Amino acid sequence: MTTKMRMSIFVAFLIILAFIYEGWSLALQVTVYTAKPNYTIEENIYVHGEVKADGVLVENATVALEVRDPTASPVIIRTLSTNASGKYDLSFKLPSQALQGTYAVNVSCSYLGERATSTTSFNLEKASFFVVTVTIGRSAYRVEEPIEIYGNATLAGIPIVKALVAIEVQDPTSTPVLIRVLETDTSGLYRLTFQLPTGSPTGTYSVYASASYEDQKASANSTFQVKQISADINGDGVVNIVDLYLVARAWHSTPGHPRWDPKCDLDGNELINIIDIMLVAREYRP
């Protein structure tokens, strides 16, 4: 092969490489995430992500990050660099007067002539220090028994006096059976005792509590069971000393205990105690 032919082949090879290089593009990827979807005002917000080129994490890549508020106005603009693991992160806090709503987080990265972008979002909410609670006296009742509901209302842990708390009780079919508006006392507490109508269905009843205070809203919920509780534990048709003995034998037991007997748990609180003894005594027939 002559020198001229070798040169021609070499030139042709360079031309082919040029075409290949010109048509080749780097697969650049940048990602962005927030630590959680919802934040409260003045809470630290954490953003993080990574940069990859052809699937390989890139060190010292420059990432432009911008955060826009619900009106699309920029509130945070930063230039970040990826670390040795190809990752970047940023923690920041928005001012107390920041708008509530959805914030967009946009990132872009340029590397070896390629550019990649990504976006995510988070919601900013007003911190709620107003709390209302609701508690049921027992986990299970019979239809004819008085049912006790109580709770409290606090603002930043301080009891609120004369807060209005709306209580709604729904039966197992989600039909409201009780609606009341209660006022908290000097200790921030409210309490309600009521009785279901005769013939009310058995099953799970839901209790909802809601209240408003200084433009803040709070809610809570709980449940209780309505059962056909029978103190005739051994099922012989009469409540007598045998039933008292069965409850006494299971005294202070809970599920999993060797002496646990669910038939003796007449109030459904998963503890055999004085209440179960009283329920047997109420139907006792010598």
Protein backbone atom coordinates (compact mmCIF):
# COMPACT_ATOMS: atom_id res chain seq x y z
CA MET A 1 0.00 0.00 0.00
CA THR A 2 1.44 3.33 -1.03
CA THR A 3 1.84 6.31 1.22
CA LYS A 4 -0.80 8.15 -0.80
CA MET A 5 -3.34 5.40 -0.20
CA ARG A 6 -2.57 5.35 3.53
CA MET A 7 -3.17 9.09 3.72
CA SER A 8 -6.46 8.75 1.86
CA ILE A 9 -7.66 6.04 4.26
CA PHE A 10 -6.61 8.13 7.28
CA VAL A 11 -8.42 11.21 5.95
CA ALA A 12 -11.52 9.10 5.27
CA PHE A 13 -11.35 7.76 8.85
CA LEU A 14 -11.16 11.31 10.24
CA ILE A 15 -14.14 12.33 8.15
CA ILE A 16 -16.16 9.38 9.46
CA LEU A 17 -15.19 10.26 13.05
CA ALA A 18 -16.27 13.84 12.45
CA PHE A 19 -19.69 12.69 11.22
CA ILE A 20 -20.06 10.36 14.21
CA TYR A 21 -19.04 13.01 16.72
CA GLU A 22 -21.33 15.61 15.14
CA GLY A 23 -24.33 13.29 15.37
CA TRP A 24 -23.54 12.11 18.91
CA SER A 25 -25.23 13.76 21.88
CA LEU A 26 -24.67 13.32 25.58
CA ALA A 27 -27.61 11.93 27.55
CA LEU A 28 -27.74 14.54 30.33
CA GLN A 29 -30.25 14.25 33.17
CA VAL A 30 -30.93 16.43 36.19
CA THR A 31 -33.48 15.60 38.89
CA VAL A 32 -35.07 17.64 41.68
CA TYR A 33 -37.10 16.55 44.73
CA THR A 34 -38.41 18.03 47.96
CA ALA A 35 -38.16 16.17 51.25
CA LYS A 36 -41.94 16.26 51.61
CA PRO A 37 -44.91 17.63 49.63
CA ASN A 38 -46.23 20.05 52.28
CA TYR A 39 -44.50 22.64 54.46
CA THR A 40 -45.67 25.27 56.90
CA ILE A 41 -44.58 28.90 56.81
CA GLU A 42 -41.18 29.48 58.49
CA GLU A 43 -40.37 25.75 58.29
CA ASN A 44 -37.06 24.67 56.74
CA ILE A 45 -37.62 23.47 53.15
CA TYR A 46 -35.22 20.87 51.78
CA VAL A 47 -34.58 20.42 48.03
CA HIS A 48 -32.20 17.87 46.53
CA GLY A 49 -31.33 16.07 43.30
CA GLU A 50 -28.53 14.72 41.12
CA VAL A 51 -26.93 15.07 37.70
CA LYS A 52 -26.11 12.17 35.37
CA ALA A 53 -24.40 12.03 31.98
CA ASP A 54 -25.04 8.82 30.08
CA GLY A 55 -26.19 7.30 33.37
CA VAL A 56 -23.00 8.27 35.23
CA LEU A 57 -23.18 10.68 38.18
CA VAL A 58 -21.34 13.92 37.41
CA GLU A 59 -19.15 15.71 39.94
CA ASN A 60 -18.89 19.54 40.00
CA ALA A 61 -21.78 20.03 37.58
CA THR A 62 -23.42 23.47 37.90
CA VAL A 63 -27.14 23.46 38.69
CA ALA A 64 -29.30 26.58 38.50
CA LEU A 65 -32.23 26.39 40.93
CA GLU A 66 -35.24 28.71 41.05
CA VAL A 67 -38.29 28.66 43.32
CA ARG A 68 -41.43 30.52 42.25
CA ASP A 69 -44.39 31.37 44.48
CA PRO A 70 -48.08 30.80 43.60
CA THR A 71 -48.04 34.00 41.49
CA ALA A 72 -45.02 32.65 39.50
CA SER A 73 -42.72 35.30 41.03
CA PRO A 74 -39.17 34.11 41.85
CA VAL A 75 -38.50 33.91 45.59
CA ILE A 76 -35.32 31.81 45.63
CA ILE A 77 -32.52 31.78 42.99
CA ARG A 78 -29.38 29.75 43.64
CA THR A 79 -26.43 28.29 41.72
CA LEU A 80 -25.31 24.96 43.16
CA SER A 81 -22.58 22.43 42.38
CA THR A 82 -22.84 18.66 42.59
CA ASN A 83 -20.61 16.86 45.08
CA ALA A 84 -18.36 13.85 44.48
CA SER A 85 -21.48 11.67 44.32
CA GLY A 86 -23.10 13.84 41.66
CA LYS A 87 -25.70 15.17 44.11
CA TYR A 88 -26.74 18.64 45.21
CA ASP A 89 -29.02 19.95 47.94
CA LEU A 90 -30.37 23.18 49.37
CA SER A 91 -32.17 24.05 52.60
CA PHE A 92 -33.97 27.37 52.90
CA LYS A 93 -36.74 29.08 54.82
CA LEU A 94 -39.42 31.39 53.40
CA PRO A 95 -40.38 34.58 55.29
CA SER A 96 -43.39 34.73 57.60
CA GLN A 97 -45.31 36.82 55.05
CA ALA A 98 -44.83 34.23 52.29
CA LEU A 99 -47.92 33.37 50.25
CA GLN A 100 -49.76 30.13 50.92
CA GLY A 101 -50.25 27.78 47.99
CA THR A 102 -48.22 25.77 45.47
CA TYR A 103 -44.58 26.67 44.83
CA ALA A 104 -42.71 25.49 41.72
CA VAL A 105 -39.06 24.39 41.91
CA ASN A 106 -37.21 24.56 38.58
CA VAL A 107 -33.64 23.35 37.98
CA SER A 108 -31.42 23.37 34.91
CA CYS A 109 -27.93 22.07 34.20
CA SER A 110 -25.48 22.56 31.29
CA TYR A 111 -22.65 20.09 30.77
CA LEU A 112 -20.39 19.47 27.74
CA GLY A 113 -22.67 21.44 25.48
CA GLU A 114 -25.86 19.69 26.63
CA ARG A 115 -28.65 21.12 28.78
CA ALA A 116 -31.23 19.37 30.95
CA THR A 117 -34.10 20.67 33.06
CA SER A 118 -36.47 19.33 35.69
CA THR A 119 -39.21 20.61 37.96
CA THR A 120 -41.16 19.71 41.08
CA SER A 121 -43.45 21.53 43.51
CA PHE A 122 -44.47 21.79 47.15
CA ASN A 123 -47.37 23.33 49.06
CA LEU A 124 -46.89 26.03 51.66
CA GLU A 125 -49.47 26.25 54.43
CA LYS A 126 -50.01 28.42 57.46
CA ALA A 127 -48.78 26.73 60.64
CA SER A 128 -51.75 25.66 62.71
CA PHE A 129 -51.24 25.85 66.45
CA PHE A 130 -54.96 25.45 67.14
CA VAL A 131 -55.84 21.90 68.16
CA VAL A 132 -59.11 20.21 69.10
CA THR A 133 -59.34 16.68 70.48
CA VAL A 134 -62.16 14.17 70.90
CA THR A 135 -62.18 11.11 73.17
CA ILE A 136 -64.84 8.47 73.80
CA GLY A 137 -65.44 7.29 77.37
CA ARG A 138 -65.31 3.62 76.35
CA SER A 139 -64.63 1.70 73.17
CA ALA A 140 -67.95 -0.22 73.27
CA TYR A 141 -71.48 0.45 74.54
CA ARG A 142 -74.90 -1.12 74.50
CA VAL A 143 -77.70 0.84 72.82
CA GLU A 144 -79.36 1.68 76.13
CA GLU A 145 -76.17 2.90 77.84
CA PRO A 146 -75.18 6.58 78.22
CA ILE A 147 -72.26 7.43 75.93
CA GLU A 148 -69.64 9.94 77.01
CA ILE A 149 -67.65 12.19 74.65
CA TYR A 150 -65.10 14.74 75.82
CA GLY A 151 -62.07 16.68 74.62
CA ASN A 152 -60.34 20.04 74.66
CA ALA A 153 -59.29 22.99 72.52
CA THR A 154 -55.83 24.54 72.76
CA LEU A 155 -53.81 27.22 71.00
CA ALA A 156 -50.05 26.58 71.11
CA GLY A 157 -50.74 24.27 74.05
CA ILE A 158 -52.74 26.87 76.00
CA PRO A 159 -56.39 25.95 76.80
CA ILE A 160 -58.98 28.10 75.06
CA VAL A 161 -62.00 29.24 77.05
CA LYS A 162 -65.44 29.45 75.39
CA ALA A 163 -64.31 27.89 72.12
CA LEU A 164 -67.25 26.48 70.18
CA VAL A 165 -66.81 22.83 69.23
CA ALA A 166 -69.21 21.16 66.79
CA ILE A 167 -69.80 17.46 67.48
CA GLU A 168 -71.41 15.08 64.99
CA VAL A 169 -72.05 11.39 65.60
CA GLN A 170 -72.78 9.10 62.63
CA ASP A 171 -74.14 5.57 62.81
CA PRO A 172 -72.65 2.62 60.85
CA THR A 173 -74.53 3.78 57.70
CA SER A 174 -72.93 7.28 57.98
CA THR A 175 -76.29 8.78 58.96
CA PRO A 176 -75.99 11.60 61.55
CA VAL A 177 -77.66 10.62 64.81
CA LEU A 178 -76.43 13.52 66.94
CA ILE A 179 -75.27 17.09 66.21
CA ARG A 180 -74.30 19.43 69.04
CA VAL A 181 -72.33 22.65 69.50
CA LEU A 182 -70.49 22.73 72.81
CA GLU A 183 -68.54 25.47 74.57
CA THR A 184 -65.25 24.81 76.32
CA ASP A 185 -65.01 25.65 80.01
CA THR A 186 -62.33 27.58 81.92
CA SER A 187 -59.93 24.66 81.43
CA GLY A 188 -60.55 24.49 77.69
CA LEU A 189 -62.55 21.26 78.11
CA TYR A 190 -65.91 20.18 76.72
CA ARG A 191 -68.00 17.16 77.65
CA LEU A 192 -71.17 15.53 76.33
CA THR A 193 -73.22 12.56 77.56
CA PHE A 194 -76.02 11.21 75.38
CA GLN A 195 -78.00 8.05 74.70
CA LEU A 196 -78.84 6.49 71.37
CA PRO A 197 -82.51 5.95 70.48
CA THR A 198 -83.99 2.53 71.10
CA GLY A 199 -83.49 0.30 68.09
CA SER A 200 -80.28 1.99 66.93
CA PRO A 201 -78.13 -0.34 64.81
CA THR A 202 -75.11 -2.10 66.21
CA GLY A 203 -71.70 -1.56 64.64
CA THR A 204 -69.08 1.19 64.43
CA TYR A 205 -70.16 4.77 65.15
CA SER A 206 -68.00 7.72 64.06
CA VAL A 207 -67.54 10.92 66.07
CA TYR A 208 -66.32 14.14 64.43
CA ALA A 209 -65.25 17.30 66.28
CA SER A 210 -64.48 20.61 64.56
CA ALA A 211 -63.80 24.15 65.73
CA SER A 212 -62.50 27.52 64.51
CA TYR A 213 -60.44 30.09 66.38
CA GLU A 214 -58.69 33.24 65.09
CA ASP A 215 -59.01 32.15 61.45
CA GLN A 216 -57.58 28.72 62.25
CA LYS A 217 -59.56 25.51 61.91
CA ALA A 218 -59.02 22.22 63.69
CA SER A 219 -60.75 18.87 63.60
CA ALA A 220 -60.51 15.42 65.15
CA ASN A 221 -62.39 12.16 64.96
CA SER A 222 -62.82 8.91 66.83
CA THR A 223 -65.04 5.81 66.85
CA PHE A 224 -66.87 3.54 69.26
CA GLN A 225 -68.73 0.26 68.96
CA VAL A 226 -72.37 -0.39 69.76
CA LYS A 227 -72.84 -4.05 70.63
CA GLN A 228 -75.47 -6.38 71.95
CA ILE A 229 -73.47 -7.06 75.07
CA SER A 230 -74.70 -9.94 77.21
CA ALA A 231 -73.51 -10.63 80.73
CA ASP A 232 -74.59 -14.24 80.28
CA ILE A 233 -71.01 -15.28 79.60
CA ASN A 234 -71.47 -19.05 79.67
CA GLY A 235 -74.70 -18.84 77.64
CA ASP A 236 -76.90 -20.84 80.02
CA GLY A 237 -79.72 -18.27 79.87
CA VAL A 238 -79.16 -16.75 83.27
CA VAL A 239 -76.63 -14.31 84.76
CA ASN A 240 -75.46 -15.77 88.05
CA ILE A 241 -72.46 -16.68 90.17
CA VAL A 242 -70.95 -18.71 87.33
CA ASP A 243 -70.67 -15.62 85.14
CA LEU A 244 -69.12 -13.65 88.02
CA TYR A 245 -66.62 -16.47 88.51
CA LEU A 246 -65.66 -16.42 84.80
CA VAL A 247 -64.99 -12.68 84.93
CA ALA A 248 -63.05 -13.04 88.18
CA ARG A 249 -60.91 -15.80 86.63
CA ALA A 250 -59.98 -13.48 83.74
CA TRP A 251 -59.37 -10.53 86.08
CA HIS A 252 -56.84 -7.97 84.78
CA SER A 253 -56.08 -10.05 81.69
CA THR A 254 -55.61 -8.59 78.21
CA PRO A 255 -55.45 -10.19 74.74
CA GLY A 256 -52.61 -12.73 74.63
CA HIS A 257 -52.70 -13.43 78.37
CA PRO A 258 -53.30 -17.11 79.31
CA ARG A 259 -56.43 -16.15 81.28
CA TRP A 260 -57.85 -13.82 78.58
CA ASP A 261 -61.48 -14.56 77.64
CA PRO A 262 -63.03 -12.12 75.12
CA LYS A 263 -66.55 -13.04 76.32
CA CYS A 264 -65.67 -11.49 79.67
CA ASP A 265 -64.65 -8.17 78.10
CA LEU A 266 -68.15 -6.75 78.26
CA ASP A 267 -67.14 -3.12 77.67
CA GLY A 268 -64.80 -3.97 74.77
CA ASN A 269 -61.76 -2.13 76.16
CA GLU A 270 -59.49 -5.22 75.97
CA LEU A 271 -59.02 -5.28 79.73
CA ILE A 272 -60.99 -7.29 82.27
CA ASN A 273 -61.59 -4.94 85.19
CA ILE A 274 -64.19 -3.60 87.62
CA ILE A 275 -66.39 -2.32 84.79
CA ASP A 276 -66.94 -5.87 83.53
CA ILE A 277 -67.78 -7.00 87.08
CA MET A 278 -70.31 -4.17 87.36
CA LEU A 279 -71.93 -5.10 84.03
CA VAL A 280 -72.40 -8.68 85.24
CA ALA A 281 -73.69 -7.48 88.63
CA ARG A 282 -76.27 -5.26 86.93
CA GLU A 283 -77.92 -8.29 85.28
CA TYR A 284 -77.25 -10.70 88.13
CA ARG A 285 -80.10 -13.02 89.04
CA PRO A 286 -79.50 -15.34 92.04
